[in-house]
């Protein structure tokens, strides 16, 4: 693999700074919205209160409609940051920044540096991307892992 130039590294870092700013700026400033955010946050809070990291409950009822990983991540951030909106949303924002990094790397390998930069900027600035990266829903985390798997498979086939 060829070594990245200093300019390429700087542009990649600037892209991650842009994505991080868009996705993290005042992340916990607003209350939970949508129907799903309070459900994830409440279920994780109940798991923490019960000391049960296996069964998610929401309003005393078992909640098995989503995989447990997202609840575990929220529980982990509750332990680190306390029970806040920021703690509930941080994993979506981190997955969004990670997704920008994955797309930039994949585009840089296939279509070149400047196009890769614009790929990352366009994805970061997309309204729906920014919305999902700032919401405590599983969509951004799921998209990150699916994209990583697809790109890993593509890389394996190419090599």
N, C-alpha and C. Protein backbone atom coordinates (compact mmCIF):
# COMPACT_ATOMS: atom_id res chain seq x y z
N UNK A 1 0.84 -1.17 0.00
CA UNK A 1 0.00 0.00 0.00
C UNK A 1 0.88 1.24 0.00
N UNK A 2 0.52 2.23 -0.78
CA UNK A 2 1.32 3.44 -0.87
C UNK A 2 1.09 4.33 0.33
N UNK A 3 2.13 5.08 0.65
CA UNK A 3 2.06 6.01 1.78
C UNK A 3 1.26 7.24 1.37
N UNK A 4 0.39 7.70 2.29
CA UNK A 4 -0.40 8.90 2.01
C UNK A 4 0.47 10.14 2.16
N UNK A 5 0.26 11.11 1.29
CA UNK A 5 0.99 12.36 1.39
C UNK A 5 0.47 13.16 2.59
N UNK A 6 1.25 14.13 3.01
CA UNK A 6 0.84 14.99 4.12
C UNK A 6 -0.44 15.74 3.78
N UNK A 7 -0.58 16.14 2.53
CA UNK A 7 -1.79 16.85 2.10
C UNK A 7 -3.02 15.95 2.22
N UNK A 8 -2.88 14.69 1.82
CA UNK A 8 -3.99 13.74 1.91
C UNK A 8 -4.40 13.52 3.36
N UNK A 9 -3.42 13.37 4.23
CA UNK A 9 -3.70 13.18 5.66
C UNK A 9 -4.40 14.42 6.22
N UNK A 10 -3.92 15.60 5.86
CA UNK A 10 -4.53 16.84 6.35
C UNK A 10 -5.97 16.98 5.86
N UNK A 11 -6.21 16.68 4.58
CA UNK A 11 -7.57 16.77 4.05
C UNK A 11 -8.49 15.75 4.72
N UNK A 12 -7.98 14.56 4.99
CA UNK A 12 -8.77 13.55 5.70
C UNK A 12 -9.12 14.01 7.11
N UNK A 13 -8.16 14.60 7.80
CA UNK A 13 -8.43 15.11 9.15
C UNK A 13 -9.41 16.26 9.13
N UNK A 14 -9.29 17.13 8.14
CA UNK A 14 -10.25 18.24 8.02
C UNK A 14 -11.66 17.71 7.74
N UNK A 15 -11.75 16.68 6.93
CA UNK A 15 -13.05 16.06 6.66
C UNK A 15 -13.66 15.48 7.93
N UNK A 16 -12.83 14.79 8.73
CA UNK A 16 -13.32 14.23 9.99
C UNK A 16 -13.69 15.33 10.98
N UNK A 17 -12.97 16.44 10.95
CA UNK A 17 -13.31 17.59 11.79
C UNK A 17 -14.66 18.17 11.38
N UNK A 18 -14.90 18.28 10.08
CA UNK A 18 -16.19 18.77 9.58
C UNK A 18 -17.31 17.84 10.04
N UNK A 19 -17.13 16.55 9.83
CA UNK A 19 -18.16 15.58 10.22
C UNK A 19 -18.37 15.60 11.73
N UNK A 20 -17.29 15.64 12.48
CA UNK A 20 -17.41 15.69 13.93
C UNK A 20 -18.15 16.93 14.41
N UNK A 21 -17.87 18.05 13.78
CA UNK A 21 -18.56 19.29 14.14
C UNK A 21 -20.05 19.18 13.82
N UNK A 22 -20.36 18.71 12.63
CA UNK A 22 -21.77 18.58 12.25
C UNK A 22 -22.53 17.59 13.14
N UNK A 23 -21.87 16.51 13.52
CA UNK A 23 -22.56 15.45 14.24
C UNK A 23 -22.52 15.62 15.76
N UNK A 24 -21.51 16.31 16.30
CA UNK A 24 -21.37 16.41 17.75
C UNK A 24 -21.74 17.77 18.34
N UNK A 25 -21.76 18.83 17.54
CA UNK A 25 -22.01 20.16 18.09
C UNK A 25 -23.37 20.20 18.79
N UNK A 26 -23.36 20.50 20.06
CA UNK A 26 -24.56 20.57 20.91
C UNK A 26 -25.42 19.31 20.78
N UNK A 27 -24.77 18.18 20.79
CA UNK A 27 -25.45 16.90 20.60
C UNK A 27 -26.50 16.63 21.68
N UNK A 28 -26.23 17.03 22.90
CA UNK A 28 -27.19 16.78 23.97
C UNK A 28 -28.02 17.98 24.35
N UNK A 29 -28.02 19.03 23.51
CA UNK A 29 -28.70 20.28 23.86
C UNK A 29 -30.22 20.19 23.80
N UNK A 30 -30.73 19.34 22.94
CA UNK A 30 -32.19 19.22 22.81
C UNK A 30 -32.67 17.95 23.49
N UNK A 31 -33.91 17.95 23.87
CA UNK A 31 -34.51 16.77 24.48
C UNK A 31 -34.68 15.66 23.46
N UNK A 32 -34.99 14.49 23.95
CA UNK A 32 -35.20 13.35 23.07
C UNK A 32 -36.45 13.57 22.23
N UNK A 33 -36.36 13.25 20.94
CA UNK A 33 -37.49 13.43 20.04
C UNK A 33 -37.77 12.12 19.33
N UNK A 34 -38.77 12.12 18.48
CA UNK A 34 -39.15 10.91 17.75
C UNK A 34 -39.75 9.91 18.75
N UNK A 35 -40.26 8.83 18.29
CA UNK A 35 -40.81 7.82 19.19
C UNK A 35 -39.72 6.87 19.69
N UNK A 36 -38.66 6.71 18.91
CA UNK A 36 -37.64 5.72 19.24
C UNK A 36 -36.61 6.18 20.26
N UNK A 37 -36.18 7.44 20.19
CA UNK A 37 -35.15 7.90 21.11
C UNK A 37 -35.51 7.68 22.58
N UNK A 38 -36.70 8.12 23.02
CA UNK A 38 -37.05 7.87 24.42
C UNK A 38 -37.16 6.38 24.76
N UNK A 39 -37.57 5.58 23.79
CA UNK A 39 -37.69 4.14 24.04
C UNK A 39 -36.32 3.51 24.27
N UNK A 40 -35.34 3.85 23.43
CA UNK A 40 -33.98 3.32 23.62
C UNK A 40 -33.38 3.83 24.93
N UNK A 41 -33.53 5.13 25.16
CA UNK A 41 -32.96 5.73 26.38
C UNK A 41 -33.62 5.14 27.63
N UNK A 42 -34.95 5.03 27.59
CA UNK A 42 -35.66 4.50 28.75
C UNK A 42 -35.36 3.04 29.01
N UNK A 43 -35.28 2.26 27.95
CA UNK A 43 -34.96 0.84 28.11
C UNK A 43 -33.56 0.67 28.69
N UNK A 44 -32.61 1.45 28.21
CA UNK A 44 -31.25 1.36 28.75
C UNK A 44 -31.21 1.82 30.20
N UNK A 45 -31.97 2.86 30.53
CA UNK A 45 -32.03 3.33 31.92
C UNK A 45 -32.62 2.25 32.83
N UNK A 46 -33.68 1.60 32.37
CA UNK A 46 -34.29 0.52 33.17
C UNK A 46 -33.32 -0.66 33.32
N UNK A 47 -32.56 -0.97 32.27
CA UNK A 47 -31.56 -2.04 32.38
C UNK A 47 -30.52 -1.68 33.42
N UNK A 48 -30.09 -0.42 33.42
CA UNK A 48 -29.10 0.04 34.39
C UNK A 48 -29.66 -0.03 35.81
N UNK A 49 -30.89 0.42 35.99
CA UNK A 49 -31.52 0.38 37.32
C UNK A 49 -31.73 -1.04 37.82
N UNK A 50 -32.09 -1.95 36.94
CA UNK A 50 -32.32 -3.35 37.31
C UNK A 50 -31.01 -4.11 37.49
N UNK A 51 -29.93 -3.59 36.89
CA UNK A 51 -28.68 -4.33 36.89
C UNK A 51 -28.71 -5.50 35.94
N UNK A 52 -29.62 -5.47 34.99
CA UNK A 52 -29.83 -6.56 34.02
C UNK A 52 -29.35 -6.09 32.65
N UNK A 53 -28.20 -6.59 32.22
CA UNK A 53 -27.63 -6.19 30.93
C UNK A 53 -28.06 -7.16 29.82
N UNK A 54 -29.01 -8.03 30.10
CA UNK A 54 -29.43 -9.03 29.12
C UNK A 54 -30.80 -8.72 28.54
N UNK A 55 -31.74 -8.33 29.38
CA UNK A 55 -33.12 -8.13 28.94
C UNK A 55 -33.49 -6.65 28.98
N UNK A 56 -33.71 -6.04 27.83
CA UNK A 56 -34.17 -4.64 27.84
C UNK A 56 -35.66 -4.56 28.20
N UNK A 57 -35.98 -3.63 29.09
CA UNK A 57 -37.36 -3.36 29.47
C UNK A 57 -37.66 -1.90 29.20
N UNK A 58 -38.87 -1.62 28.77
CA UNK A 58 -39.33 -0.24 28.62
C UNK A 58 -40.71 -0.15 29.25
N UNK A 59 -40.84 0.71 30.23
CA UNK A 59 -42.09 0.83 31.01
C UNK A 59 -42.50 -0.52 31.60
N UNK A 60 -41.51 -1.27 32.07
CA UNK A 60 -41.78 -2.54 32.71
C UNK A 60 -42.06 -3.71 31.79
N UNK A 61 -42.09 -3.48 30.48
CA UNK A 61 -42.37 -4.53 29.50
C UNK A 61 -41.09 -4.90 28.76
N UNK A 62 -40.85 -6.20 28.54
CA UNK A 62 -39.66 -6.59 27.77
C UNK A 62 -39.70 -5.97 26.36
N UNK A 63 -38.55 -5.58 25.89
CA UNK A 63 -38.44 -4.93 24.57
C UNK A 63 -37.38 -5.67 23.76
N UNK A 64 -37.83 -6.55 22.87
CA UNK A 64 -36.91 -7.39 22.11
C UNK A 64 -36.88 -7.06 20.61
N UNK A 65 -37.40 -5.89 20.21
CA UNK A 65 -37.50 -5.62 18.78
C UNK A 65 -36.21 -5.14 18.13
N UNK A 66 -35.17 -4.86 18.90
CA UNK A 66 -33.88 -4.45 18.32
C UNK A 66 -32.76 -5.26 18.98
N UNK A 67 -31.64 -5.41 18.27
CA UNK A 67 -30.50 -6.14 18.85
C UNK A 67 -29.97 -5.44 20.10
N UNK A 68 -29.36 -6.21 20.96
CA UNK A 68 -28.94 -5.75 22.28
C UNK A 68 -27.74 -4.80 22.22
N UNK A 69 -26.94 -4.85 21.15
CA UNK A 69 -25.72 -4.04 21.09
C UNK A 69 -25.99 -2.56 21.34
N UNK A 70 -27.02 -2.01 20.73
CA UNK A 70 -27.29 -0.57 20.89
C UNK A 70 -27.61 -0.25 22.35
N UNK A 71 -28.34 -1.10 23.02
CA UNK A 71 -28.63 -0.88 24.45
C UNK A 71 -27.35 -0.96 25.27
N UNK A 72 -26.49 -1.92 24.97
CA UNK A 72 -25.22 -2.03 25.70
C UNK A 72 -24.36 -0.79 25.53
N UNK A 73 -24.31 -0.27 24.31
CA UNK A 73 -23.52 0.94 24.08
C UNK A 73 -24.08 2.12 24.87
N UNK A 74 -25.39 2.25 24.90
CA UNK A 74 -26.01 3.32 25.68
C UNK A 74 -25.71 3.12 27.17
N UNK A 75 -25.80 1.89 27.65
CA UNK A 75 -25.46 1.61 29.05
C UNK A 75 -24.03 2.01 29.36
N UNK A 76 -23.12 1.69 28.45
CA UNK A 76 -21.71 2.06 28.63
C UNK A 76 -21.55 3.57 28.71
N UNK A 77 -22.22 4.29 27.83
CA UNK A 77 -22.10 5.75 27.87
C UNK A 77 -22.82 6.35 29.08
N UNK A 78 -23.88 5.71 29.56
CA UNK A 78 -24.49 6.14 30.82
C UNK A 78 -23.49 6.04 31.97
N UNK A 79 -22.73 4.96 31.97
CA UNK A 79 -21.71 4.79 33.01
C UNK A 79 -20.62 5.85 32.93
N UNK A 80 -20.28 6.25 31.71
CA UNK A 80 -19.19 7.23 31.52
C UNK A 80 -19.68 8.66 31.69
N UNK A 81 -20.81 9.02 31.05
CA UNK A 81 -21.27 10.41 30.98
C UNK A 81 -22.47 10.71 31.88
N UNK A 82 -23.06 9.69 32.48
CA UNK A 82 -24.29 9.89 33.24
C UNK A 82 -25.50 9.74 32.31
N UNK A 83 -26.67 9.81 32.89
CA UNK A 83 -27.90 9.62 32.11
C UNK A 83 -28.29 10.96 31.50
N UNK A 84 -27.81 11.19 30.28
CA UNK A 84 -28.04 12.45 29.57
C UNK A 84 -28.41 12.16 28.11
N UNK A 85 -28.91 13.18 27.44
CA UNK A 85 -29.21 13.04 26.01
C UNK A 85 -27.93 12.80 25.22
N UNK A 86 -26.84 13.46 25.63
CA UNK A 86 -25.55 13.26 24.96
C UNK A 86 -25.13 11.80 25.03
N UNK A 87 -25.27 11.19 26.21
CA UNK A 87 -24.87 9.80 26.39
C UNK A 87 -25.68 8.86 25.51
N UNK A 88 -26.95 9.19 25.28
CA UNK A 88 -27.80 8.34 24.45
C UNK A 88 -27.41 8.47 22.98
N UNK A 89 -27.01 9.67 22.56
CA UNK A 89 -26.77 9.94 21.13
C UNK A 89 -25.33 9.76 20.67
N UNK A 90 -24.39 9.65 21.57
CA UNK A 90 -22.97 9.66 21.18
C UNK A 90 -22.62 8.54 20.20
N UNK A 91 -23.25 7.38 20.34
CA UNK A 91 -22.87 6.25 19.48
C UNK A 91 -23.32 6.46 18.05
N UNK A 92 -24.42 7.12 17.85
CA UNK A 92 -24.84 7.43 16.47
C UNK A 92 -23.87 8.44 15.85
N UNK A 93 -23.46 9.42 16.64
CA UNK A 93 -22.52 10.42 16.12
C UNK A 93 -21.16 9.79 15.81
N UNK A 94 -20.68 8.92 16.69
CA UNK A 94 -19.41 8.23 16.42
C UNK A 94 -19.51 7.35 15.19
N UNK A 95 -20.62 6.65 15.04
CA UNK A 95 -20.82 5.81 13.85
C UNK A 95 -20.86 6.68 12.60
N UNK A 96 -21.46 7.86 12.68
CA UNK A 96 -21.49 8.78 11.54
C UNK A 96 -20.11 9.22 11.13
N UNK A 97 -19.29 9.61 12.10
CA UNK A 97 -17.91 10.02 11.79
C UNK A 97 -17.13 8.83 11.24
N UNK A 98 -17.31 7.66 11.82
CA UNK A 98 -16.65 6.46 11.30
C UNK A 98 -17.08 6.13 9.89
N UNK A 99 -18.34 6.33 9.59
CA UNK A 99 -18.85 6.08 8.25
C UNK A 99 -18.25 7.05 7.24
N UNK A 100 -18.09 8.31 7.63
CA UNK A 100 -17.43 9.28 6.76
C UNK A 100 -16.00 8.84 6.48
N UNK A 101 -15.31 8.37 7.51
CA UNK A 101 -13.93 7.89 7.33
C UNK A 101 -13.88 6.69 6.39
N UNK A 102 -14.80 5.75 6.55
CA UNK A 102 -14.85 4.58 5.66
C UNK A 102 -15.09 4.98 4.21
N UNK A 103 -16.06 5.87 4.00
CA UNK A 103 -16.37 6.31 2.64
C UNK A 103 -15.21 7.06 2.02
N UNK A 104 -14.56 7.91 2.79
CA UNK A 104 -13.41 8.67 2.29
C UNK A 104 -12.29 7.72 1.89
N UNK A 105 -12.00 6.75 2.74
CA UNK A 105 -10.93 5.79 2.42
C UNK A 105 -11.26 4.97 1.17
N UNK A 106 -12.50 4.50 1.09
CA UNK A 106 -12.90 3.70 -0.08
C UNK A 106 -12.86 4.54 -1.35
N UNK A 107 -13.34 5.77 -1.28
CA UNK A 107 -13.33 6.63 -2.46
C UNK A 107 -11.91 7.02 -2.85
N UNK A 108 -11.05 7.24 -1.87
CA UNK A 108 -9.65 7.60 -2.15
C UNK A 108 -8.95 6.47 -2.88
N UNK A 109 -9.23 5.25 -2.49
CA UNK A 109 -8.62 4.07 -3.14
C UNK A 109 -9.10 3.91 -4.57
N UNK A 110 -10.35 4.24 -4.83
CA UNK A 110 -10.95 3.91 -6.12
C UNK A 110 -11.02 5.07 -7.10
N UNK A 111 -11.23 6.29 -6.61
CA UNK A 111 -11.43 7.41 -7.54
C UNK A 111 -10.51 8.60 -7.30
N UNK A 112 -9.66 8.55 -6.29
CA UNK A 112 -8.69 9.61 -6.10
C UNK A 112 -9.03 10.55 -4.95
N UNK A 113 -8.03 11.36 -4.59
CA UNK A 113 -8.09 12.19 -3.39
C UNK A 113 -9.14 13.28 -3.37
N UNK A 114 -9.19 14.09 -4.45
CA UNK A 114 -10.14 15.21 -4.44
C UNK A 114 -11.58 14.71 -4.49
N UNK A 115 -11.83 13.71 -5.30
CA UNK A 115 -13.18 13.14 -5.37
C UNK A 115 -13.56 12.50 -4.04
N UNK A 116 -12.59 11.88 -3.36
CA UNK A 116 -12.86 11.27 -2.06
C UNK A 116 -13.24 12.34 -1.04
N UNK A 117 -12.55 13.46 -1.09
CA UNK A 117 -12.87 14.56 -0.18
C UNK A 117 -14.31 15.03 -0.40
N UNK A 118 -14.69 15.22 -1.65
CA UNK A 118 -16.05 15.68 -1.95
C UNK A 118 -17.09 14.62 -1.62
N UNK A 119 -16.71 13.35 -1.74
CA UNK A 119 -17.61 12.27 -1.32
C UNK A 119 -17.93 12.41 0.16
N UNK A 120 -16.89 12.60 0.96
CA UNK A 120 -17.08 12.76 2.40
C UNK A 120 -17.84 14.01 2.78
N UNK A 121 -17.56 15.11 2.09
CA UNK A 121 -18.26 16.37 2.37
C UNK A 121 -19.74 16.23 2.01
N UNK A 122 -20.02 15.66 0.85
CA UNK A 122 -21.42 15.49 0.42
C UNK A 122 -22.18 14.58 1.38
N UNK A 123 -21.56 13.50 1.80
CA UNK A 123 -22.23 12.59 2.72
C UNK A 123 -22.45 13.26 4.07
N UNK A 124 -21.45 13.95 4.59
CA UNK A 124 -21.56 14.61 5.89
C UNK A 124 -22.62 15.70 5.89
N UNK A 125 -22.70 16.45 4.81
CA UNK A 125 -23.60 17.59 4.74
C UNK A 125 -25.03 17.20 4.35
N UNK A 126 -25.24 15.96 4.01
CA UNK A 126 -26.58 15.49 3.67
C UNK A 126 -27.48 15.62 4.89
N UNK A 127 -28.67 16.18 4.71
CA UNK A 127 -29.56 16.43 5.83
C UNK A 127 -29.91 15.16 6.60
N UNK A 128 -30.27 14.11 5.88
CA UNK A 128 -30.67 12.87 6.55
C UNK A 128 -29.50 12.23 7.29
N UNK A 129 -28.30 12.29 6.71
CA UNK A 129 -27.12 11.78 7.41
C UNK A 129 -26.91 12.51 8.72
N UNK A 130 -26.94 13.84 8.65
CA UNK A 130 -26.73 14.64 9.86
C UNK A 130 -27.83 14.37 10.89
N UNK A 131 -29.04 14.21 10.44
CA UNK A 131 -30.16 13.94 11.36
C UNK A 131 -29.97 12.59 12.06
N UNK A 132 -29.66 11.55 11.29
CA UNK A 132 -29.51 10.22 11.88
C UNK A 132 -28.26 10.10 12.73
N UNK A 133 -27.22 10.87 12.41
CA UNK A 133 -26.01 10.84 13.21
C UNK A 133 -26.20 11.59 14.53
N UNK A 134 -27.24 12.37 14.63
CA UNK A 134 -27.52 13.13 15.85
C UNK A 134 -28.72 12.57 16.62
N UNK A 135 -29.22 11.42 16.23
CA UNK A 135 -30.39 10.82 16.87
C UNK A 135 -30.02 9.47 17.48
N UNK A 136 -30.63 9.16 18.60
CA UNK A 136 -30.38 7.89 19.28
C UNK A 136 -31.25 6.80 18.67
N UNK A 137 -30.92 6.45 17.43
CA UNK A 137 -31.59 5.36 16.73
C UNK A 137 -30.51 4.44 16.16
N UNK A 138 -30.88 3.24 15.82
CA UNK A 138 -29.90 2.24 15.38
C UNK A 138 -29.43 2.42 13.94
N UNK A 139 -30.06 3.30 13.19
CA UNK A 139 -29.80 3.41 11.75
C UNK A 139 -28.34 3.68 11.41
N UNK A 140 -27.71 4.65 12.06
CA UNK A 140 -26.35 5.02 11.69
C UNK A 140 -25.36 3.91 12.08
N UNK A 141 -25.56 3.30 13.23
CA UNK A 141 -24.69 2.21 13.64
C UNK A 141 -24.83 1.02 12.69
N UNK A 142 -26.06 0.69 12.32
CA UNK A 142 -26.32 -0.39 11.37
C UNK A 142 -25.66 -0.08 10.02
N UNK A 143 -25.83 1.14 9.55
CA UNK A 143 -25.25 1.55 8.26
C UNK A 143 -23.73 1.47 8.30
N UNK A 144 -23.14 1.86 9.43
CA UNK A 144 -21.69 1.77 9.57
C UNK A 144 -21.21 0.33 9.41
N UNK A 145 -21.84 -0.60 10.13
CA UNK A 145 -21.39 -1.99 10.08
C UNK A 145 -21.66 -2.64 8.73
N UNK A 146 -22.80 -2.33 8.11
CA UNK A 146 -23.08 -2.89 6.78
C UNK A 146 -22.09 -2.35 5.76
N UNK A 147 -21.81 -1.06 5.80
CA UNK A 147 -20.84 -0.45 4.88
C UNK A 147 -19.45 -1.04 5.09
N UNK A 148 -19.04 -1.20 6.35
CA UNK A 148 -17.73 -1.79 6.64
C UNK A 148 -17.64 -3.21 6.08
N UNK A 149 -18.71 -3.98 6.23
CA UNK A 149 -18.71 -5.36 5.72
C UNK A 149 -18.63 -5.38 4.19
N UNK A 150 -19.41 -4.52 3.54
CA UNK A 150 -19.39 -4.45 2.08
C UNK A 150 -18.01 -4.04 1.57
N UNK A 151 -17.43 -3.02 2.19
CA UNK A 151 -16.11 -2.55 1.75
C UNK A 151 -15.03 -3.59 2.04
N UNK A 152 -15.15 -4.32 3.15
CA UNK A 152 -14.19 -5.39 3.44
C UNK A 152 -14.29 -6.49 2.40
N UNK A 153 -15.52 -6.86 2.04
CA UNK A 153 -15.71 -7.87 1.00
C UNK A 153 -15.18 -7.42 -0.35
N UNK A 154 -15.43 -6.17 -0.70
CA UNK A 154 -14.94 -5.61 -1.94
C UNK A 154 -13.41 -5.60 -1.99
N UNK A 155 -12.81 -5.21 -0.88
CA UNK A 155 -11.35 -5.20 -0.80
C UNK A 155 -10.79 -6.62 -0.93
N UNK A 156 -11.44 -7.58 -0.28
CA UNK A 156 -10.97 -8.98 -0.36
C UNK A 156 -11.07 -9.50 -1.79
N UNK A 157 -12.15 -9.16 -2.49
CA UNK A 157 -12.31 -9.60 -3.88
C UNK A 157 -11.26 -8.94 -4.78
N UNK A 158 -10.99 -7.68 -4.55
CA UNK A 158 -10.02 -6.95 -5.38
C UNK A 158 -8.60 -7.46 -5.17
N UNK A 159 -8.28 -7.86 -3.97
CA UNK A 159 -6.91 -8.29 -3.68
C UNK A 159 -6.78 -9.79 -3.89
